[in-house]
Amino acid sequence: MSAIAAGLAACGATPPPAVGPVATAPVQELGQGDYATVSDNAYRLRPSDVISVSVFREPDLSVARLPIGSDGTISLPLIGAVETEGKTLEALTNEVTHRFDISGLRRPSVSINVIEYASHLVTVEGGVESPGVYTFQPGARLSSALALASGPTRVAKLREVAIFRETDDGMRVAKFDYAAVSQGTMIDPVIEPGDRVVVGISSLSQFWQDFLRALPAFGMFTRVRF
């Protein structure tokens, strides 16, 4: 293998995993305090999610596929519009059951499930094999987002991975060393709906290369304006 080929291969290579406990806690001195490493077990519904509503022995009241509207509501036979955004499945099931009960349905038995997390979209671009927009399951991590895009390319700059995230304070960006994430020596953060992951690569515009290199400490969310 030539020196050039070896250098290119090394760009996309990851070091072997570090044997021992995996980094699971944010390191405050690296600015990782804002990153979740454990997902919320009680999933809260969002617009565009698709649910199913089954009412026992009431096929006319059951709906096999019901997208949540952009206003965060659904509409069900007999009871009409129901607010769903921000509710857990348990809370929504209890409310729908109560609404059916007061509407005259005798001893309603309701089951609600999420059949598609359509609100969970992540954009992955830069040094990955298949850039694009992907749906993901709640609790997925940065490594999952890269896997959805078929992984980093051979020439990806694994130490220059940025996550852009819309917050109440505006767009923020964080930088990760994905080689360290792969080793288990840096946290593998939980991604959130709407995140944008950019993996560094030499073919990115000079603006992006300079931007990624200039980001502050790994894992630190920084407010940015474009």
C-alpha atoms as a PDB file:
ATOM      1  CA  MET A   1       0.000   0.000   0.000  1.00  0.00           C
ATOM      2  CA  SER A   2       1.368   3.413  -0.923  1.00  0.00           C
ATOM      3  CA  ALA A   3       1.883   6.101   1.705  1.00  0.00           C
ATOM      4  CA  ILE A   4      -0.949   8.125   0.164  1.00  0.00           C
ATOM      5  CA  ALA A   5      -3.372   5.185   0.195  1.00  0.00           C
ATOM      6  CA  ALA A   6      -2.402   4.327   3.748  1.00  0.00           C
ATOM      7  CA  GLY A   7      -3.034   7.909   4.791  1.00  0.00           C
ATOM      8  CA  LEU A   8      -6.455   7.943   3.173  1.00  0.00           C
ATOM      9  CA  ALA A   9      -7.416   4.671   4.810  1.00  0.00           C
ATOM     10  CA  ALA A  10      -6.324   5.974   8.176  1.00  0.00           C
ATOM     11  CA  CYS A  11      -8.608   9.006   7.860  1.00  0.00           C
ATOM     12  CA  GLY A  12     -11.733   6.859   8.009  1.00  0.00           C
ATOM     13  CA  ALA A  13     -10.387   4.197  10.369  1.00  0.00           C
ATOM     14  CA  THR A  14     -11.447   3.986  13.992  1.00  0.00           C
ATOM     15  CA  PRO A  15      -9.124   2.897  16.793  1.00  0.00           C
ATOM     16  CA  PRO A  16      -9.868  -0.361  18.605  1.00  0.00           C
ATOM     17  CA  PRO A  17     -12.371  -0.098  21.474  1.00  0.00           C
ATOM     18  CA  ALA A  18     -10.969   0.701  24.876  1.00  0.00           C
ATOM     19  CA  VAL A  19     -11.493  -2.295  27.160  1.00  0.00           C
ATOM     20  CA  GLY A  20     -13.373  -1.428  30.317  1.00  0.00           C
ATOM     21  CA  PRO A  21     -16.329   0.778  31.293  1.00  0.00           C
ATOM     22  CA  VAL A  22     -17.801   2.845  28.463  1.00  0.00           C
ATOM     23  CA  ALA A  23     -18.089   6.608  28.961  1.00  0.00           C
ATOM     24  CA  THR A  24     -21.721   7.209  29.906  1.00  0.00           C
ATOM     25  CA  ALA A  25     -21.574  10.455  31.874  1.00  0.00           C
ATOM     26  CA  PRO A  26     -21.102  13.882  30.273  1.00  0.00           C
ATOM     27  CA  VAL A  27     -17.735  15.430  31.037  1.00  0.00           C
ATOM     28  CA  GLN A  28     -18.427  18.925  32.322  1.00  0.00           C
ATOM     29  CA  GLU A  29     -15.025  20.315  31.410  1.00  0.00           C
ATOM     30  CA  LEU A  30     -15.706  19.358  27.793  1.00  0.00           C
ATOM     31  CA  GLY A  31     -19.043  21.162  27.840  1.00  0.00           C
ATOM     32  CA  GLN A  32     -21.108  17.983  27.561  1.00  0.00           C
ATOM     33  CA  GLY A  33     -23.574  18.844  30.316  1.00  0.00           C
ATOM     34  CA  ASP A  34     -26.412  19.593  27.880  1.00  0.00           C
ATOM     35  CA  TYR A  35     -26.266  16.184  26.208  1.00  0.00           C
ATOM     36  CA  ALA A  36     -28.608  13.393  27.220  1.00  0.00           C
ATOM     37  CA  THR A  37     -27.014   9.970  27.446  1.00  0.00           C
ATOM     38  CA  VAL A  38     -30.204   8.162  28.472  1.00  0.00           C
ATOM     39  CA  SER A  39     -33.526   8.540  26.688  1.00  0.00           C
ATOM     40  CA  ASP A  40     -36.789   9.290  28.486  1.00  0.00           C
ATOM     41  CA  ASN A  41     -38.633   6.003  29.019  1.00  0.00           C
ATOM     42  CA  ALA A  42     -42.016   7.765  28.905  1.00  0.00           C
ATOM     43  CA  TYR A  43     -42.266   8.724  25.234  1.00  0.00           C
ATOM     44  CA  ARG A  44     -44.275  11.882  24.558  1.00  0.00           C
ATOM     45  CA  LEU A  45     -46.202  12.125  21.318  1.00  0.00           C
ATOM     46  CA  ARG A  46     -45.341  14.683  18.648  1.00  0.00           C
ATOM     47  CA  PRO A  47     -47.029  15.983  15.491  1.00  0.00           C
ATOM     48  CA  SER A  48     -46.532  13.624  12.508  1.00  0.00           C
ATOM     49  CA  ASP A  49     -46.250  10.536  14.704  1.00  0.00           C
ATOM     50  CA  VAL A  50     -48.641   7.798  13.571  1.00  0.00           C
ATOM     51  CA  ILE A  51     -50.645   5.867  16.138  1.00  0.00           C
ATOM     52  CA  SER A  52     -53.254   3.119  16.180  1.00  0.00           C
ATOM     53  CA  VAL A  53     -56.356   3.260  18.367  1.00  0.00           C
ATOM     54  CA  SER A  54     -58.118  -0.012  19.132  1.00  0.00           C
ATOM     55  CA  VAL A  55     -61.422  -0.101  21.013  1.00  0.00           C
ATOM     56  CA  PHE A  56     -62.258  -3.642  22.169  1.00  0.00           C
ATOM     57  CA  ARG A  57     -65.268  -5.075  20.342  1.00  0.00           C
ATOM     58  CA  GLU A  58     -65.880  -1.721  18.634  1.00  0.00           C
ATOM     59  CA  PRO A  59     -64.383  -1.934  15.119  1.00  0.00           C
ATOM     60  CA  ASP A  60     -66.274   1.162  13.973  1.00  0.00           C
ATOM     61  CA  LEU A  61     -64.539   3.202  16.666  1.00  0.00           C
ATOM     62  CA  SER A  62     -61.066   1.753  16.062  1.00  0.00           C
ATOM     63  CA  VAL A  63     -58.519   3.333  13.707  1.00  0.00           C
ATOM     64  CA  ALA A  64     -55.586   1.266  12.417  1.00  0.00           C
ATOM     65  CA  ARG A  65     -53.464   4.197  11.265  1.00  0.00           C
ATOM     66  CA  LEU A  66     -53.937   7.719  12.580  1.00  0.00           C
ATOM     67  CA  PRO A  67     -51.342  10.462  11.943  1.00  0.00           C
ATOM     68  CA  ILE A  68     -51.126  13.211  14.544  1.00  0.00           C
ATOM     69  CA  GLY A  69     -51.843  16.539  12.871  1.00  0.00           C
ATOM     70  CA  SER A  70     -49.519  19.523  12.780  1.00  0.00           C
ATOM     71  CA  ASP A  71     -51.679  21.088  15.506  1.00  0.00           C
ATOM     72  CA  GLY A  72     -50.976  18.106  17.755  1.00  0.00           C
ATOM     73  CA  THR A  73     -54.497  16.666  17.634  1.00  0.00           C
ATOM     74  CA  ILE A  74     -56.279  13.589  16.330  1.00  0.00           C
ATOM     75  CA  SER A  75     -59.951  13.058  15.533  1.00  0.00           C
ATOM     76  CA  LEU A  76     -61.790   9.907  16.600  1.00  0.00           C
ATOM     77  CA  PRO A  77     -65.286   8.631  15.869  1.00  0.00           C
ATOM     78  CA  LEU A  78     -67.887   9.562  18.487  1.00  0.00           C
ATOM     79  CA  ILE A  79     -65.599  11.801  20.554  1.00  0.00           C
ATOM     80  CA  GLY A  80     -64.078  14.127  17.936  1.00  0.00           C
ATOM     81  CA  ALA A  81     -60.806  16.038  18.374  1.00  0.00           C
ATOM     82  CA  VAL A  82     -58.343  14.980  21.059  1.00  0.00           C
ATOM     83  CA  GLU A  83     -55.157  16.845  21.992  1.00  0.00           C
ATOM     84  CA  THR A  84     -52.179  14.473  21.893  1.00  0.00           C
ATOM     85  CA  GLU A  85     -48.978  16.516  21.665  1.00  0.00           C
ATOM     86  CA  GLY A  86     -46.736  16.082  24.681  1.00  0.00           C
ATOM     87  CA  LYS A  87     -48.843  13.284  26.152  1.00  0.00           C
ATOM     88  CA  THR A  88     -47.575   9.807  27.000  1.00  0.00           C
ATOM     89  CA  LEU A  89     -49.418   6.803  25.573  1.00  0.00           C
ATOM     90  CA  GLU A  90     -50.762   6.046  29.040  1.00  0.00           C
ATOM     91  CA  ALA A  91     -52.134   9.556  29.494  1.00  0.00           C
ATOM     92  CA  LEU A  92     -53.709   9.588  26.034  1.00  0.00           C
ATOM     93  CA  THR A  93     -55.240   6.135  26.554  1.00  0.00           C
ATOM     94  CA  ASN A  94     -56.782   7.269  29.831  1.00  0.00           C
ATOM     95  CA  GLU A  95     -58.198  10.425  28.245  1.00  0.00           C
ATOM     96  CA  VAL A  96     -59.658   8.628  25.214  1.00  0.00           C
ATOM     97  CA  THR A  97     -61.161   5.955  27.468  1.00  0.00           C
ATOM     98  CA  HIS A  98     -62.761   8.659  29.628  1.00  0.00           C
ATOM     99  CA  ARG A  99     -64.088  10.509  26.570  1.00  0.00           C
ATOM    100  CA  PHE A 100     -65.687   7.325  25.210  1.00  0.00           C
ATOM    101  CA  ASP A 101     -67.155   6.609  28.645  1.00  0.00           C
ATOM    102  CA  ILE A 102     -68.848   9.985  29.009  1.00  0.00           C
ATOM    103  CA  SER A 103     -70.057   9.726  25.399  1.00  0.00           C
ATOM    104  CA  GLY A 104     -72.160   6.695  26.319  1.00  0.00           C
ATOM    105  CA  LEU A 105     -69.914   3.751  25.410  1.00  0.00           C
ATOM    106  CA  ARG A 106     -70.303   1.087  28.079  1.00  0.00           C
ATOM    107  CA  ARG A 107     -67.070   0.057  29.786  1.00  0.00           C
ATOM    108  CA  PRO A 108     -64.727   1.081  26.949  1.00  0.00           C
ATOM    109  CA  SER A 109     -61.418  -0.778  26.675  1.00  0.00           C
ATOM    110  CA  VAL A 110     -58.906   1.228  24.649  1.00  0.00           C
ATOM    111  CA  SER A 111     -55.411   0.355  23.443  1.00  0.00           C
ATOM    112  CA  ILE A 112     -53.160   2.954  21.754  1.00  0.00           C
ATOM    113  CA  ASN A 113     -49.770   2.264  20.181  1.00  0.00           C
ATOM    114  CA  VAL A 114     -47.212   4.212  18.158  1.00  0.00           C
ATOM    115  CA  ILE A 115     -46.746   2.522  14.782  1.00  0.00           C
ATOM    116  CA  GLU A 116     -44.468   5.132  13.195  1.00  0.00           C
ATOM    117  CA  TYR A 117     -42.215   7.744  14.813  1.00  0.00           C
ATOM    118  CA  ALA A 118     -42.527  10.021  11.796  1.00  0.00           C
ATOM    119  CA  SER A 119     -41.644  13.094  13.859  1.00  0.00           C
ATOM    120  CA  HIS A 120     -38.156  11.684  14.426  1.00  0.00           C
ATOM    121  CA  LEU A 121     -36.087  12.912  11.488  1.00  0.00           C
ATOM    122  CA  VAL A 122     -32.335  13.422  11.426  1.00  0.00           C
ATOM    123  CA  THR A 123     -30.281  14.867   8.564  1.00  0.00           C
ATOM    124  CA  VAL A 124     -26.875  13.259   8.039  1.00  0.00           C
ATOM    125  CA  GLU A 125     -24.416  14.770   5.567  1.00  0.00           C
ATOM    126  CA  GLY A 126     -20.747  15.264   4.815  1.00  0.00           C
ATOM    127  CA  GLY A 127     -18.392  12.294   5.049  1.00  0.00           C
ATOM    128  CA  VAL A 128     -20.958   9.478   5.054  1.00  0.00           C
ATOM    129  CA  GLU A 129     -21.727   6.856   2.432  1.00  0.00           C
ATOM    130  CA  SER A 130     -25.413   7.746   2.006  1.00  0.00           C
ATOM    131  CA  PRO A 131     -26.235  11.340   3.000  1.00  0.00           C
ATOM    132  CA  GLY A 132     -29.914  12.011   3.535  1.00  0.00           C
ATOM    133  CA  VAL A 133     -32.819  12.509   5.918  1.00  0.00           C
ATOM    134  CA  TYR A 134     -33.711   9.469   8.025  1.00  0.00           C
ATOM    135  CA  THR A 135     -36.365   8.470  10.516  1.00  0.00           C
ATOM    136  CA  PHE A 136     -35.100   6.988  13.764  1.00  0.00           C
ATOM    137  CA  GLN A 137     -36.397   5.356  16.894  1.00  0.00           C
ATOM    138  CA  PRO A 138     -36.553   7.372  20.134  1.00  0.00           C
ATOM    139  CA  GLY A 139     -33.373   6.877  22.111  1.00  0.00           C
ATOM    140  CA  ALA A 140     -31.129   6.508  19.046  1.00  0.00           C
ATOM    141  CA  ARG A 141     -27.627   7.919  19.377  1.00  0.00           C
ATOM    142  CA  LEU A 142     -25.080   9.665  17.185  1.00  0.00           C
ATOM    143  CA  SER A 143     -23.673   6.276  16.206  1.00  0.00           C
ATOM    144  CA  SER A 144     -27.171   5.231  15.096  1.00  0.00           C
ATOM    145  CA  ALA A 145     -27.502   8.307  12.880  1.00  0.00           C
ATOM    146  CA  LEU A 146     -24.222   7.511  11.137  1.00  0.00           C
ATOM    147  CA  ALA A 147     -25.251   3.874  10.731  1.00  0.00           C
ATOM    148  CA  LEU A 148     -28.486   4.973   9.036  1.00  0.00           C
ATOM    149  CA  ALA A 149     -26.312   6.812   6.512  1.00  0.00           C
ATOM    150  CA  SER A 150     -24.289   3.593   5.937  1.00  0.00           C
ATOM    151  CA  GLY A 151     -21.423   4.834   8.078  1.00  0.00           C
ATOM    152  CA  PRO A 152     -18.516   7.235   7.541  1.00  0.00           C
ATOM    153  CA  THR A 153     -16.627   7.204   4.253  1.00  0.00           C
ATOM    154  CA  ARG A 154     -13.010   6.067   4.041  1.00  0.00           C
ATOM    155  CA  VAL A 155     -11.831   9.672   4.015  1.00  0.00           C
ATOM    156  CA  ALA A 156     -14.197  11.054   6.664  1.00  0.00           C
ATOM    157  CA  LYS A 157     -12.634  13.253   9.332  1.00  0.00           C
ATOM    158  CA  LEU A 158     -13.973  11.397  12.352  1.00  0.00           C
ATOM    159  CA  ARG A 159     -12.661  13.977  14.817  1.00  0.00           C
ATOM    160  CA  GLU A 160     -14.773  16.674  13.150  1.00  0.00           C
ATOM    161  CA  VAL A 161     -18.405  15.643  13.602  1.00  0.00           C
ATOM    162  CA  ALA A 162     -20.917  18.403  14.355  1.00  0.00           C
ATOM    163  CA  ILE A 163     -24.500  18.180  15.571  1.00  0.00           C
ATOM    164  CA  PHE A 164     -26.753  21.165  14.856  1.00  0.00           C
ATOM    165  CA  ARG A 165     -29.819  21.430  17.073  1.00  0.00           C
ATOM    166  CA  GLU A 166     -32.684  23.915  17.210  1.00  0.00           C
ATOM    167  CA  THR A 167     -33.352  25.058  20.769  1.00  0.00           C
ATOM    168  CA  ASP A 168     -35.534  27.682  22.423  1.00  0.00           C
ATOM    169  CA  ASP A 169     -32.498  29.972  22.282  1.00  0.00           C
ATOM    170  CA  GLY A 170     -31.899  29.408  18.570  1.00  0.00           C
ATOM    171  CA  MET A 171     -29.660  27.086  16.575  1.00  0.00           C
ATOM    172  CA  ARG A 172     -26.793  25.528  18.501  1.00  0.00           C
ATOM    173  CA  VAL A 173     -23.946  23.298  17.420  1.00  0.00           C
ATOM    174  CA  ALA A 174     -21.786  20.729  19.167  1.00  0.00           C
ATOM    175  CA  LYS A 175     -18.627  18.977  18.039  1.00  0.00           C
ATOM    176  CA  PHE A 176     -17.658  15.352  18.716  1.00  0.00           C
ATOM    177  CA  ASP A 177     -14.632  13.177  18.190  1.00  0.00           C
ATOM    178  CA  TYR A 178     -16.350  10.150  16.679  1.00  0.00           C
ATOM    179  CA  ALA A 179     -13.192   8.059  16.928  1.00  0.00           C
ATOM    180  CA  ALA A 180     -13.388   8.517  20.713  1.00  0.00           C
ATOM    181  CA  VAL A 181     -17.135   7.782  20.641  1.00  0.00           C
ATOM    182  CA  SER A 182     -16.420   4.519  18.799  1.00  0.00           C
ATOM    183  CA  GLN A 183     -13.777   3.582  21.351  1.00  0.00           C
ATOM    184  CA  GLY A 184     -16.184   4.223  24.184  1.00  0.00           C
ATOM    185  CA  THR A 185     -14.064   6.993  25.676  1.00  0.00           C
ATOM    186  CA  MET A 186     -16.518   9.801  24.768  1.00  0.00           C
ATOM    187  CA  ILE A 187     -20.276   9.789  25.268  1.00  0.00           C
ATOM    188  CA  ASP A 188     -22.461   8.677  22.378  1.00  0.00           C
ATOM    189  CA  PRO A 189     -25.225  11.315  22.714  1.00  0.00           C
ATOM    190  CA  VAL A 190     -28.923  10.687  22.200  1.00  0.00           C
ATOM    191  CA  ILE A 191     -30.084  12.518  19.078  1.00  0.00           C
ATOM    192  CA  GLU A 192     -33.289  14.517  18.982  1.00  0.00           C
ATOM    193  CA  PRO A 193     -35.873  15.108  16.238  1.00  0.00           C
ATOM    194  CA  GLY A 194     -34.641  17.741  13.797  1.00  0.00           C
ATOM    195  CA  ASP A 195     -30.941  17.246  14.540  1.00  0.00           C
ATOM    196  CA  ARG A 196     -28.478  17.749  11.687  1.00  0.00           C
ATOM    197  CA  VAL A 197     -25.250  15.748  11.745  1.00  0.00           C
ATOM    198  CA  VAL A 198     -22.308  16.913   9.600  1.00  0.00           C
ATOM    199  CA  VAL A 199     -19.284  14.628   9.304  1.00  0.00           C
ATOM    200  CA  GLY A 200     -16.095  16.401   8.282  1.00  0.00           C
ATOM    201  CA  ILE A 201     -14.523  15.595   4.924  1.00  0.00           C
ATOM    202  CA  SER A 202     -11.938  17.345   2.779  1.00  0.00           C
ATOM    203  CA  SER A 203     -14.446  17.928  -0.042  1.00  0.00           C
ATOM    204  CA  LEU A 204     -16.633  20.095   2.178  1.00  0.00           C
ATOM    205  CA  SER A 205     -16.436  23.756   1.302  1.00  0.00           C
ATOM    206  CA  GLN A 206     -13.590  25.692   2.877  1.00  0.00           C
ATOM    207  CA  PHE A 207     -16.188  27.506   4.993  1.00  0.00           C
ATOM    208  CA  TRP A 208     -17.362  24.255   6.572  1.00  0.00           C
ATOM    209  CA  GLN A 209     -13.844  22.937   7.088  1.00  0.00           C
ATOM    210  CA  ASP A 210     -12.820  26.149   8.821  1.00  0.00           C
ATOM    211  CA  PHE A 211     -16.086  26.197  10.806  1.00  0.00           C
ATOM    212  CA  LEU A 212     -15.704  22.642  12.104  1.00  0.00           C
ATOM    213  CA  ARG A 213     -12.086  23.190  13.057  1.00  0.00           C
ATOM    214  CA  ALA A 214     -12.953  26.426  14.854  1.00  0.00           C
ATOM    215  CA  LEU A 215     -15.709  24.936  17.026  1.00  0.00           C
ATOM    216  CA  PRO A 216     -14.916  25.031  20.740  1.00  0.00           C
ATOM    217  CA  ALA A 217     -14.348  22.115  23.093  1.00  0.00           C
ATOM    218  CA  PHE A 218     -15.765  18.774  21.971  1.00  0.00           C
ATOM    219  CA  GLY A 219     -19.339  18.309  23.105  1.00  0.00           C
ATOM    220  CA  MET A 220     -20.009  21.979  23.838  1.00  0.00           C
ATOM    221  CA  PHE A 221     -23.232  23.438  22.455  1.00  0.00           C
ATOM    222  CA  THR A 222     -22.531  26.829  20.918  1.00  0.00           C
ATOM    223  CA  ARG A 223     -25.073  29.302  19.603  1.00  0.00           C
ATOM    224  CA  VAL A 224     -24.527  30.017  15.920  1.00  0.00           C
ATOM    225  CA  ARG A 225     -26.097  32.339  13.365  1.00  0.00           C
ATOM    226  CA  PHE A 226     -25.939  32.030   9.573  1.00  0.00           C
END
